[in-house]
Amino acid sequence: MLSWLAHFIERHPGLHRTSLAVWKHFPPRLAGFLRTLLTTRWAVGAVAVIIDGEVNPPEVLLVQHSYRTKGAWGLPGGSLESGLRNPREASTEGSRDDIVESSLRREVFEELGIEIEILRLTRIDAVPYVPEEPGPYRLDFYYRCLPKQGFSSLREGLGSGSIKPRSPEVRQIVLVPLSRLKEYDLYSSDARILFPLVT
């Protein structure tokens, strides 16, 4: 459809930033309609659940997204790139077994500047409707991850400002105690994953 336009916008940071600022003011149904024009019928996502269980209370890494007025806080990750080639033709690229995991590593590094180690797949969530982002159905793969540099270095980097958002899509990166999650306007899909972890 018009996915080439979305890819063009994402490759131009100034245009990307402006588009995101305008996008968040669209009514949810209009944004959902435009999303169906710009993407496929199913959006496939990869999401990192980065929890430091060694501190008390345990803390989770959250990001604040710039393009949502509701549910702005959530887990880091992103949608898989489907490419612009014809899906009815054979790919010239070699087959990869870790396409979802590779996409997750790439998204987290591009948006946050953090390299992650993926421990395991924890959940696959098929979501027909997301109130904050109506549009194509979502199929999200949630992975338990660790920062490669360790949580001490991550905390130090967040505190000093050396780890900060690298994409116009992300406003803030924070480590939040699981016990304080209710203080954040969480993206509904991520809230369903996180709230059961609160004891």
N, C-alpha and C. Protein backbone atom coordinates (compact mmCIF):
# COMPACT_ATOMS: atom_id res chain seq x y z
N MET A 1 0.83 -1.18 0.00
CA MET A 1 0.00 0.00 0.00
C MET A 1 0.88 1.25 0.00
N LEU A 2 0.82 2.01 1.08
CA LEU A 2 1.63 3.23 1.16
C LEU A 2 2.81 3.06 2.11
N SER A 3 3.25 1.81 2.29
CA SER A 3 4.34 1.57 3.24
C SER A 3 5.62 2.28 2.81
N TRP A 4 5.79 2.52 1.51
CA TRP A 4 6.98 3.24 1.04
C TRP A 4 7.04 4.64 1.65
N LEU A 5 5.86 5.27 1.86
CA LEU A 5 5.82 6.61 2.45
C LEU A 5 6.31 6.56 3.91
N ALA A 6 5.85 5.56 4.65
CA ALA A 6 6.28 5.41 6.04
C ALA A 6 7.79 5.20 6.10
N HIS A 7 8.34 4.38 5.22
CA HIS A 7 9.78 4.14 5.20
C HIS A 7 10.55 5.41 4.83
N PHE A 8 10.02 6.18 3.88
CA PHE A 8 10.66 7.44 3.49
C PHE A 8 10.73 8.40 4.68
N ILE A 9 9.60 8.53 5.38
CA ILE A 9 9.54 9.44 6.53
C ILE A 9 10.53 9.02 7.61
N GLU A 10 10.60 7.71 7.90
CA GLU A 10 11.49 7.21 8.95
C GLU A 10 12.97 7.44 8.63
N ARG A 11 13.31 7.53 7.35
CA ARG A 11 14.72 7.75 6.96
C ARG A 11 15.13 9.22 7.02
N HIS A 12 14.22 10.12 7.31
CA HIS A 12 14.52 11.55 7.37
C HIS A 12 14.14 12.07 8.77
N PRO A 13 15.12 12.20 9.67
CA PRO A 13 14.84 12.51 11.08
C PRO A 13 13.97 13.75 11.31
N GLY A 14 14.20 14.82 10.61
CA GLY A 14 13.38 16.03 10.80
C GLY A 14 11.93 15.80 10.42
N LEU A 15 11.72 15.17 9.29
CA LEU A 15 10.37 14.85 8.83
C LEU A 15 9.72 13.83 9.76
N HIS A 16 10.52 12.87 10.24
CA HIS A 16 10.03 11.85 11.17
C HIS A 16 9.55 12.51 12.45
N ARG A 17 10.35 13.40 13.02
CA ARG A 17 10.01 14.10 14.27
C ARG A 17 8.73 14.92 14.10
N THR A 18 8.62 15.65 12.99
CA THR A 18 7.44 16.47 12.72
C THR A 18 6.21 15.61 12.54
N SER A 19 6.35 14.51 11.81
CA SER A 19 5.22 13.60 11.58
C SER A 19 4.72 13.02 12.90
N LEU A 20 5.65 12.66 13.79
CA LEU A 20 5.25 12.11 15.09
C LEU A 20 4.50 13.15 15.92
N ALA A 21 4.96 14.39 15.87
CA ALA A 21 4.31 15.47 16.63
C ALA A 21 2.89 15.69 16.13
N VAL A 22 2.68 15.62 14.82
CA VAL A 22 1.34 15.78 14.24
C VAL A 22 0.50 14.55 14.52
N TRP A 23 1.10 13.36 14.37
CA TRP A 23 0.39 12.08 14.51
C TRP A 23 -0.33 11.96 15.85
N LYS A 24 0.32 12.38 16.93
CA LYS A 24 -0.27 12.17 18.26
C LYS A 24 -1.53 13.01 18.48
N HIS A 25 -1.78 13.99 17.60
CA HIS A 25 -2.98 14.81 17.73
C HIS A 25 -4.14 14.27 16.89
N PHE A 26 -3.91 13.24 16.08
CA PHE A 26 -4.99 12.63 15.31
C PHE A 26 -5.93 11.89 16.26
N PRO A 27 -7.22 11.93 15.99
CA PRO A 27 -8.13 11.09 16.77
C PRO A 27 -7.74 9.62 16.55
N PRO A 28 -7.90 8.76 17.58
CA PRO A 28 -7.46 7.37 17.46
C PRO A 28 -8.00 6.64 16.23
N ARG A 29 -9.26 6.87 15.88
CA ARG A 29 -9.82 6.16 14.71
C ARG A 29 -9.16 6.61 13.41
N LEU A 30 -8.88 7.91 13.29
CA LEU A 30 -8.20 8.40 12.10
C LEU A 30 -6.79 7.83 12.03
N ALA A 31 -6.10 7.84 13.18
CA ALA A 31 -4.75 7.27 13.22
C ALA A 31 -4.79 5.79 12.85
N GLY A 32 -5.79 5.07 13.35
CA GLY A 32 -5.93 3.66 13.02
C GLY A 32 -6.18 3.44 11.55
N PHE A 33 -7.04 4.27 10.94
CA PHE A 33 -7.31 4.16 9.51
C PHE A 33 -6.04 4.41 8.70
N LEU A 34 -5.30 5.46 9.06
CA LEU A 34 -4.06 5.75 8.35
C LEU A 34 -3.03 4.64 8.54
N ARG A 35 -3.00 4.06 9.74
CA ARG A 35 -2.07 2.96 10.00
C ARG A 35 -2.38 1.77 9.08
N THR A 36 -3.68 1.49 8.84
CA THR A 36 -4.02 0.37 7.96
C THR A 36 -3.61 0.67 6.52
N LEU A 37 -3.61 1.94 6.14
CA LEU A 37 -3.14 2.29 4.79
C LEU A 37 -1.63 2.18 4.67
N LEU A 38 -0.92 2.50 5.78
CA LEU A 38 0.54 2.55 5.73
C LEU A 38 1.21 1.22 6.08
N THR A 39 0.46 0.27 6.61
CA THR A 39 1.05 -1.00 7.02
C THR A 39 0.24 -2.16 6.46
N THR A 40 0.63 -3.36 6.84
CA THR A 40 -0.08 -4.55 6.43
C THR A 40 -1.27 -4.78 7.36
N ARG A 41 -2.08 -5.80 7.09
CA ARG A 41 -3.25 -6.10 7.92
C ARG A 41 -2.84 -6.55 9.32
N TRP A 42 -1.69 -7.17 9.44
CA TRP A 42 -1.16 -7.58 10.75
C TRP A 42 0.15 -6.87 10.97
N ALA A 43 0.30 -6.27 12.13
CA ALA A 43 1.59 -5.69 12.52
C ALA A 43 2.24 -6.69 13.48
N VAL A 44 3.46 -7.09 13.18
CA VAL A 44 4.19 -8.03 14.02
C VAL A 44 5.22 -7.24 14.81
N GLY A 45 5.18 -7.39 16.12
CA GLY A 45 6.08 -6.63 16.98
C GLY A 45 6.95 -7.52 17.83
N ALA A 46 8.08 -6.98 18.24
CA ALA A 46 9.00 -7.65 19.16
C ALA A 46 9.22 -6.70 20.33
N VAL A 47 9.05 -7.20 21.55
CA VAL A 47 9.06 -6.35 22.74
C VAL A 47 10.04 -6.91 23.77
N ALA A 48 10.85 -6.02 24.36
CA ALA A 48 11.84 -6.41 25.37
C ALA A 48 11.29 -6.16 26.77
N VAL A 49 11.26 -7.21 27.58
CA VAL A 49 10.89 -7.09 28.99
C VAL A 49 12.20 -7.16 29.76
N ILE A 50 12.70 -6.00 30.19
CA ILE A 50 14.00 -5.89 30.84
C ILE A 50 13.76 -5.59 32.32
N ILE A 51 13.89 -6.62 33.15
CA ILE A 51 13.60 -6.48 34.59
C ILE A 51 14.84 -6.83 35.40
N ASP A 52 15.18 -5.93 36.32
CA ASP A 52 16.26 -6.20 37.26
C ASP A 52 15.63 -6.78 38.52
N GLY A 53 15.74 -8.10 38.66
CA GLY A 53 15.17 -8.78 39.82
C GLY A 53 16.11 -8.83 41.00
N GLU A 54 17.31 -8.28 40.85
CA GLU A 54 18.30 -8.31 41.94
C GLU A 54 18.12 -7.16 42.92
N VAL A 55 17.33 -6.16 42.54
CA VAL A 55 17.07 -5.04 43.45
C VAL A 55 15.71 -5.25 44.11
N ASN A 56 15.49 -4.59 45.23
CA ASN A 56 14.23 -4.72 45.92
C ASN A 56 13.62 -3.35 46.12
N PRO A 57 12.48 -3.03 45.51
CA PRO A 57 11.67 -3.90 44.66
C PRO A 57 12.28 -4.02 43.27
N PRO A 58 11.93 -5.10 42.53
CA PRO A 58 12.43 -5.26 41.16
C PRO A 58 12.03 -4.06 40.30
N GLU A 59 12.88 -3.75 39.31
CA GLU A 59 12.64 -2.61 38.41
C GLU A 59 12.56 -3.07 36.97
N VAL A 60 11.73 -2.37 36.20
CA VAL A 60 11.55 -2.67 34.78
C VAL A 60 11.93 -1.43 33.97
N LEU A 61 12.53 -1.66 32.80
CA LEU A 61 12.89 -0.55 31.91
C LEU A 61 11.66 -0.15 31.10
N LEU A 62 11.28 1.12 31.22
CA LEU A 62 10.16 1.67 30.46
C LEU A 62 10.65 2.81 29.58
N VAL A 63 9.94 3.02 28.48
CA VAL A 63 10.21 4.17 27.62
C VAL A 63 8.92 4.96 27.46
N GLN A 64 9.08 6.27 27.28
CA GLN A 64 7.93 7.13 27.00
C GLN A 64 7.94 7.43 25.51
N HIS A 65 6.87 7.02 24.82
CA HIS A 65 6.78 7.23 23.37
C HIS A 65 6.22 8.61 23.06
N SER A 66 6.78 9.26 22.08
CA SER A 66 6.40 10.63 21.74
C SER A 66 5.11 10.69 20.92
N TYR A 67 4.71 9.61 20.30
CA TYR A 67 3.59 9.64 19.36
C TYR A 67 2.26 9.19 19.96
N ARG A 68 2.21 8.95 21.27
CA ARG A 68 0.95 8.56 21.91
C ARG A 68 0.55 9.60 22.94
N THR A 69 -0.72 9.99 22.94
CA THR A 69 -1.22 10.86 24.00
C THR A 69 -1.72 10.02 25.16
N LYS A 70 -2.22 8.81 24.90
CA LYS A 70 -2.64 7.88 25.95
C LYS A 70 -1.76 6.65 25.85
N GLY A 71 -1.43 6.07 26.99
CA GLY A 71 -0.59 4.88 26.98
C GLY A 71 0.81 5.18 26.47
N ALA A 72 1.33 6.36 26.82
CA ALA A 72 2.64 6.79 26.29
C ALA A 72 3.79 5.96 26.84
N TRP A 73 3.64 5.38 28.03
CA TRP A 73 4.72 4.60 28.64
C TRP A 73 4.56 3.13 28.30
N GLY A 74 5.68 2.49 27.99
CA GLY A 74 5.62 1.07 27.67
C GLY A 74 6.99 0.45 27.60
N LEU A 75 7.00 -0.78 27.16
CA LEU A 75 8.24 -1.54 27.02
C LEU A 75 8.91 -1.19 25.70
N PRO A 76 10.24 -1.28 25.64
CA PRO A 76 10.92 -0.98 24.37
C PRO A 76 10.72 -2.10 23.36
N GLY A 77 10.79 -1.75 22.10
CA GLY A 77 10.65 -2.73 21.02
C GLY A 77 10.19 -2.03 19.76
N GLY A 78 9.63 -2.79 18.87
CA GLY A 78 9.16 -2.20 17.62
C GLY A 78 8.59 -3.25 16.69
N SER A 79 8.13 -2.76 15.56
CA SER A 79 7.54 -3.64 14.55
C SER A 79 8.63 -4.19 13.63
N LEU A 80 8.38 -5.38 13.14
CA LEU A 80 9.31 -5.99 12.21
C LEU A 80 9.17 -5.33 10.85
N GLU A 81 10.29 -5.18 10.18
CA GLU A 81 10.28 -4.64 8.84
C GLU A 81 9.90 -5.73 7.86
N SER A 82 8.86 -5.49 7.07
CA SER A 82 8.46 -6.49 6.09
C SER A 82 9.17 -6.27 4.76
N GLY A 83 9.82 -5.14 4.61
CA GLY A 83 10.52 -4.85 3.36
C GLY A 83 9.55 -4.35 2.31
N LEU A 84 10.07 -3.91 1.22
CA LEU A 84 9.24 -3.35 0.16
C LEU A 84 9.12 -4.28 -1.04
N ARG A 85 9.68 -5.48 -0.93
CA ARG A 85 9.62 -6.38 -2.07
C ARG A 85 8.25 -7.03 -2.16
N ASN A 86 7.98 -7.67 -3.30
CA ASN A 86 6.72 -8.34 -3.55
C ASN A 86 6.67 -9.63 -2.73
N PRO A 87 5.66 -9.81 -1.84
CA PRO A 87 5.60 -11.02 -1.02
C PRO A 87 5.30 -12.28 -1.82
N ARG A 88 4.90 -12.14 -3.07
CA ARG A 88 4.61 -13.31 -3.89
C ARG A 88 5.84 -13.83 -4.62
N GLU A 89 6.96 -13.13 -4.47
CA GLU A 89 8.21 -13.55 -5.11
C GLU A 89 9.17 -14.09 -4.07
N ALA A 90 10.01 -15.03 -4.49
CA ALA A 90 10.99 -15.61 -3.58
C ALA A 90 12.01 -14.55 -3.18
N SER A 91 12.45 -14.63 -1.95
CA SER A 91 13.45 -13.70 -1.44
C SER A 91 14.83 -14.11 -1.94
N THR A 92 15.66 -13.12 -2.19
CA THR A 92 17.05 -13.40 -2.58
C THR A 92 17.94 -13.48 -1.36
N GLU A 93 17.39 -13.09 -0.19
CA GLU A 93 18.16 -13.15 1.05
C GLU A 93 18.10 -14.56 1.61
N GLY A 94 19.12 -14.93 2.35
CA GLY A 94 19.12 -16.24 3.00
C GLY A 94 18.07 -16.29 4.10
N SER A 95 17.56 -17.47 4.37
CA SER A 95 16.56 -17.65 5.42
C SER A 95 17.23 -17.48 6.79
N ARG A 96 16.54 -16.77 7.69
CA ARG A 96 17.08 -16.55 9.02
C ARG A 96 16.12 -17.11 10.04
N ASP A 97 16.66 -17.82 11.02
CA ASP A 97 15.83 -18.41 12.07
C ASP A 97 15.53 -17.41 13.18
N ASP A 98 16.33 -16.34 13.30
CA ASP A 98 16.18 -15.43 14.43
C ASP A 98 15.69 -14.05 14.00
N ILE A 99 14.80 -14.00 13.02
CA ILE A 99 14.37 -12.72 12.47
C ILE A 99 13.70 -11.83 13.52
N VAL A 100 12.87 -12.41 14.39
CA VAL A 100 12.19 -11.62 15.41
C VAL A 100 13.20 -11.11 16.44
N GLU A 101 14.09 -12.00 16.89
CA GLU A 101 15.09 -11.59 17.88
C GLU A 101 16.04 -10.54 17.32
N SER A 102 16.46 -10.71 16.07
CA SER A 102 17.35 -9.72 15.43
C SER A 102 16.67 -8.37 15.32
N SER A 103 15.40 -8.39 14.95
CA SER A 103 14.65 -7.13 14.85
C SER A 103 14.55 -6.45 16.20
N LEU A 104 14.33 -7.23 17.26
CA LEU A 104 14.25 -6.66 18.60
C LEU A 104 15.57 -6.03 19.01
N ARG A 105 16.67 -6.75 18.80
CA ARG A 105 17.99 -6.18 19.15
C ARG A 105 18.23 -4.87 18.39
N ARG A 106 17.91 -4.87 17.10
CA ARG A 106 18.11 -3.69 16.26
C ARG A 106 17.26 -2.53 16.75
N GLU A 107 15.97 -2.77 17.00
CA GLU A 107 15.07 -1.70 17.44
C GLU A 107 15.52 -1.08 18.76
N VAL A 108 15.86 -1.93 19.73
CA VAL A 108 16.28 -1.40 21.04
C VAL A 108 17.57 -0.61 20.91
N PHE A 109 18.51 -1.10 20.10
CA PHE A 109 19.76 -0.36 19.94
C PHE A 109 19.53 0.96 19.19
N GLU A 110 18.73 0.92 18.10
CA GLU A 110 18.50 2.14 17.32
C GLU A 110 17.77 3.21 18.13
N GLU A 111 16.81 2.79 18.96
CA GLU A 111 16.00 3.78 19.69
C GLU A 111 16.60 4.20 21.03
N LEU A 112 17.32 3.25 21.70
CA LEU A 112 17.81 3.55 23.05
C LEU A 112 19.33 3.54 23.18
N GLY A 113 20.03 2.95 22.20
CA GLY A 113 21.48 2.84 22.30
C GLY A 113 21.92 1.77 23.28
N ILE A 114 21.04 0.82 23.56
CA ILE A 114 21.33 -0.25 24.53
C ILE A 114 21.40 -1.58 23.78
N GLU A 115 22.50 -2.31 24.00
CA GLU A 115 22.59 -3.67 23.46
C GLU A 115 21.97 -4.61 24.47
N ILE A 116 21.18 -5.57 23.97
CA ILE A 116 20.50 -6.49 24.87
C ILE A 116 20.89 -7.93 24.58
N GLU A 117 20.76 -8.74 25.62
CA GLU A 117 20.90 -10.18 25.50
C GLU A 117 19.50 -10.76 25.70
N ILE A 118 19.05 -11.55 24.74
CA ILE A 118 17.71 -12.14 24.83
C ILE A 118 17.82 -13.47 25.56
N LEU A 119 17.06 -13.60 26.65
CA LEU A 119 17.09 -14.82 27.45
C LEU A 119 16.10 -15.86 26.95
N ARG A 120 14.84 -15.44 26.77
CA ARG A 120 13.81 -16.40 26.34
C ARG A 120 12.56 -15.66 25.89
N LEU A 121 11.78 -16.34 25.08
CA LEU A 121 10.45 -15.87 24.70
C LEU A 121 9.52 -16.13 25.88
N THR A 122 8.80 -15.10 26.34
CA THR A 122 7.92 -15.29 27.49
C THR A 122 6.45 -15.33 27.11
N ARG A 123 6.11 -14.69 26.00
CA ARG A 123 4.69 -14.66 25.62
C ARG A 123 4.54 -14.21 24.17
N ILE A 124 3.54 -14.76 23.51
CA ILE A 124 3.11 -14.28 22.19
C ILE A 124 1.69 -13.80 22.39
N ASP A 125 1.44 -12.55 22.04
CA ASP A 125 0.15 -11.92 22.31
C ASP A 125 -0.49 -11.48 21.00
N ALA A 126 -1.61 -12.11 20.63
CA ALA A 126 -2.38 -11.69 19.45
C ALA A 126 -3.44 -10.71 19.91
N VAL A 127 -3.36 -9.49 19.42
CA VAL A 127 -4.23 -8.41 19.90
C VAL A 127 -5.05 -7.86 18.73
N PRO A 128 -6.36 -8.11 18.73
CA PRO A 128 -7.17 -7.61 17.62
C PRO A 128 -7.45 -6.12 17.70
N TYR A 129 -7.37 -5.54 18.91
CA TYR A 129 -7.70 -4.12 19.04
C TYR A 129 -6.90 -3.52 20.18
N VAL A 130 -6.22 -2.43 19.90
CA VAL A 130 -5.47 -1.69 20.93
C VAL A 130 -6.09 -0.30 21.00
N PRO A 131 -6.72 0.05 22.14
CA PRO A 131 -7.42 1.34 22.22
C PRO A 131 -6.55 2.55 21.88
N GLU A 132 -5.26 2.52 22.28
CA GLU A 132 -4.39 3.67 22.02
C GLU A 132 -3.97 3.76 20.55
N GLU A 133 -3.99 2.66 19.85
CA GLU A 133 -3.54 2.62 18.45
C GLU A 133 -4.43 1.70 17.62
N PRO A 134 -5.71 2.07 17.41
CA PRO A 134 -6.54 1.21 16.58
C PRO A 134 -5.91 1.09 15.20
N GLY A 135 -6.06 -0.02 14.59
CA GLY A 135 -5.48 -0.23 13.27
C GLY A 135 -5.36 -1.70 13.00
N PRO A 136 -4.27 -2.11 12.37
CA PRO A 136 -4.14 -3.54 12.05
C PRO A 136 -4.01 -4.37 13.32
N TYR A 137 -4.41 -5.62 13.21
CA TYR A 137 -4.23 -6.54 14.33
C TYR A 137 -2.75 -6.63 14.65
N ARG A 138 -2.45 -6.89 15.92
CA ARG A 138 -1.05 -6.99 16.35
C ARG A 138 -0.74 -8.41 16.80
N LEU A 139 0.45 -8.84 16.48
CA LEU A 139 0.98 -10.09 16.99
C LEU A 139 2.32 -9.73 17.60
N ASP A 140 2.37 -9.69 18.94
CA ASP A 140 3.57 -9.22 19.64
C ASP A 140 4.28 -10.39 20.32
N PHE A 141 5.60 -10.43 20.13
CA PHE A 141 6.46 -11.43 20.75
C PHE A 141 7.19 -10.75 21.90
N TYR A 142 6.93 -11.18 23.13
CA TYR A 142 7.56 -10.59 24.31
C TYR A 142 8.73 -11.48 24.75
N TYR A 143 9.90 -10.85 24.88
CA TYR A 143 11.13 -11.57 25.26
C TYR A 143 11.67 -11.01 26.57
N ARG A 144 12.05 -11.90 27.46
CA ARG A 144 12.77 -11.49 28.67
C ARG A 144 14.21 -11.21 28.25
N CYS A 145 14.72 -10.03 28.58
CA CYS A 145 16.04 -9.60 28.12
C CYS A 145 16.84 -9.01 29.28
N LEU A 146 18.14 -8.90 29.05
CA LEU A 146 19.04 -8.22 29.97
C LEU A 146 19.88 -7.23 29.18
N PRO A 147 20.25 -6.11 29.81
CA PRO A 147 21.19 -5.20 29.14
C PRO A 147 22.57 -5.88 29.11
N LYS A 148 23.22 -5.87 27.95
CA LYS A 148 24.53 -6.52 27.84
C LYS A 148 25.56 -5.91 28.79
N GLN A 149 25.45 -4.61 29.05
CA GLN A 149 26.42 -3.94 29.91
C GLN A 149 26.12 -4.15 31.38
N GLY A 150 24.98 -4.80 31.70
CA GLY A 150 24.60 -5.02 33.09
C GLY A 150 23.76 -3.88 33.62
N PHE A 151 23.02 -4.16 34.68
CA PHE A 151 22.12 -3.14 35.22
C PHE A 151 22.85 -2.00 35.92
N SER A 152 24.00 -2.27 36.52
CA SER A 152 24.75 -1.18 37.17
C SER A 152 25.17 -0.13 36.16
N SER A 153 25.72 -0.59 35.03
CA SER A 153 26.14 0.33 33.97
C SER A 153 24.94 1.03 33.35
N LEU A 154 23.84 0.31 33.22
CA LEU A 154 22.62 0.92 32.67
C LEU A 154 22.14 2.04 33.58
N ARG A 155 22.09 1.79 34.89
CA ARG A 155 21.68 2.82 35.85
C ARG A 155 22.61 4.04 35.78
N GLU A 156 23.91 3.75 35.75
CA GLU A 156 24.89 4.84 35.69
C GLU A 156 24.71 5.66 34.42
N GLY A 157 24.50 4.99 33.28
CA GLY A 157 24.30 5.68 32.00
C GLY A 157 23.03 6.51 31.98
N LEU A 158 21.96 5.98 32.57
CA LEU A 158 20.71 6.74 32.64
C LEU A 158 20.87 7.95 33.55
N GLY A 159 21.57 7.76 34.68
CA GLY A 159 21.78 8.85 35.63
C GLY A 159 22.67 9.96 35.08
N SER A 160 23.71 9.57 34.33
CA SER A 160 24.65 10.57 33.79
C SER A 160 24.16 11.19 32.48
N GLY A 161 23.17 10.57 31.86
CA GLY A 161 22.68 11.07 30.57
C GLY A 161 23.43 10.50 29.38
N SER A 162 24.38 9.59 29.62
CA SER A 162 25.09 9.00 28.47
C SER A 162 24.22 7.98 27.74
N ILE A 163 23.20 7.45 28.43
CA ILE A 163 22.19 6.62 27.78
C ILE A 163 20.93 7.47 27.71
N LYS A 164 20.54 7.79 26.50
CA LYS A 164 19.36 8.63 26.28
C LYS A 164 18.71 8.23 24.96
N PRO A 165 17.47 8.65 24.73
CA PRO A 165 16.79 8.29 23.49
C PRO A 165 17.58 8.70 22.26
N ARG A 166 17.59 7.79 21.27
CA ARG A 166 18.30 8.06 20.02
C ARG A 166 17.33 8.16 18.85
N SER A 167 16.05 8.15 19.13
CA SER A 167 15.02 8.21 18.09
C SER A 167 13.98 9.25 18.49
N PRO A 168 13.39 9.94 17.51
CA PRO A 168 12.33 10.89 17.85
C PRO A 168 11.09 10.20 18.40
N GLU A 169 11.01 8.87 18.29
CA GLU A 169 9.85 8.13 18.80
C GLU A 169 9.87 7.98 20.31
N VAL A 170 11.03 8.17 20.94
CA VAL A 170 11.18 7.95 22.38
C VAL A 170 11.57 9.25 23.07
N ARG A 171 10.82 9.61 24.13
CA ARG A 171 11.12 10.83 24.89
C ARG A 171 12.02 10.55 26.08
N GLN A 172 11.73 9.48 26.83
CA GLN A 172 12.47 9.19 28.06
C GLN A 172 12.69 7.68 28.20
N ILE A 173 13.75 7.35 28.92
CA ILE A 173 14.05 5.97 29.29
C ILE A 173 14.24 5.96 30.80
N VAL A 174 13.50 5.09 31.50
CA VAL A 174 13.61 5.05 32.96
C VAL A 174 13.53 3.61 33.47
N LEU A 175 14.14 3.38 34.63
CA LEU A 175 13.95 2.13 35.36
C LEU A 175 12.92 2.42 36.45
N VAL A 176 11.83 1.66 36.45
CA VAL A 176 10.71 1.92 37.35
C VAL A 176 10.49 0.71 38.25
N PRO A 177 10.37 0.91 39.58
CA PRO A 177 10.01 -0.20 40.45
C PRO A 177 8.66 -0.78 40.03
N LEU A 178 8.56 -2.10 39.97
CA LEU A 178 7.29 -2.74 39.59
C LEU A 178 6.16 -2.28 40.50
N SER A 179 6.49 -1.97 41.76
CA SER A 179 5.47 -1.53 42.72
C SER A 179 4.90 -0.16 42.38
N ARG A 180 5.55 0.60 41.47
CA ARG A 180 5.09 1.95 41.12
C ARG A 180 4.50 2.03 39.72
N LEU A 181 4.26 0.89 39.08
CA LEU A 181 3.76 0.90 37.70
C LEU A 181 2.44 1.65 37.54
N LYS A 182 1.59 1.61 38.55
CA LYS A 182 0.28 2.27 38.45
C LYS A 182 0.40 3.78 38.33
N GLU A 183 1.56 4.33 38.63
CA GLU A 183 1.77 5.77 38.51
C GLU A 183 2.03 6.20 37.07
N TYR A 184 2.21 5.23 36.17
CA TYR A 184 2.54 5.51 34.78
C TYR A 184 1.35 5.19 33.89
N ASP A 185 1.15 6.01 32.87
CA ASP A 185 0.09 5.78 31.88
C ASP A 185 0.61 4.73 30.90
N LEU A 186 0.41 3.45 31.26
CA LEU A 186 0.98 2.35 30.49
C LEU A 186 0.16 2.01 29.26
N TYR A 187 0.86 1.68 28.21
CA TYR A 187 0.26 1.14 26.99
C TYR A 187 -0.48 -0.14 27.38
N SER A 188 -1.75 -0.28 26.98
CA SER A 188 -2.60 -1.36 27.50
C SER A 188 -2.04 -2.75 27.24
N SER A 189 -1.44 -3.00 26.09
CA SER A 189 -0.87 -4.33 25.81
C SER A 189 0.27 -4.66 26.76
N ASP A 190 1.13 -3.68 27.02
CA ASP A 190 2.25 -3.90 27.94
C ASP A 190 1.76 -4.02 29.39
N ALA A 191 0.71 -3.29 29.74
CA ALA A 191 0.16 -3.38 31.09
C ALA A 191 -0.33 -4.80 31.39
N ARG A 192 -0.92 -5.44 30.39
CA ARG A 192 -1.39 -6.82 30.59
C ARG A 192 -0.25 -7.77 30.89
N ILE A 193 0.94 -7.47 30.38
CA ILE A 193 2.11 -8.29 30.63
C ILE A 193 2.72 -7.97 31.99
N LEU A 194 2.79 -6.67 32.32
CA LEU A 194 3.51 -6.22 33.51
C LEU A 194 2.73 -6.35 34.82
N PHE A 195 1.44 -6.02 34.81
CA PHE A 195 0.71 -5.99 36.09
C PHE A 195 0.68 -7.34 36.80
N PRO A 196 0.62 -8.49 36.11
CA PRO A 196 0.69 -9.76 36.83
C PRO A 196 2.03 -9.98 37.56
N LEU A 197 3.08 -9.23 37.16
CA LEU A 197 4.38 -9.38 37.81
C LEU A 197 4.46 -8.64 39.14
N VAL A 198 3.51 -7.72 39.37
CA VAL A 198 3.49 -6.94 40.59
C VAL A 198 2.94 -7.82 41.72
N THR A 199 3.72 -7.97 42.78
CA THR A 199 3.26 -8.81 43.89
C THR A 199 2.90 -7.99 45.10
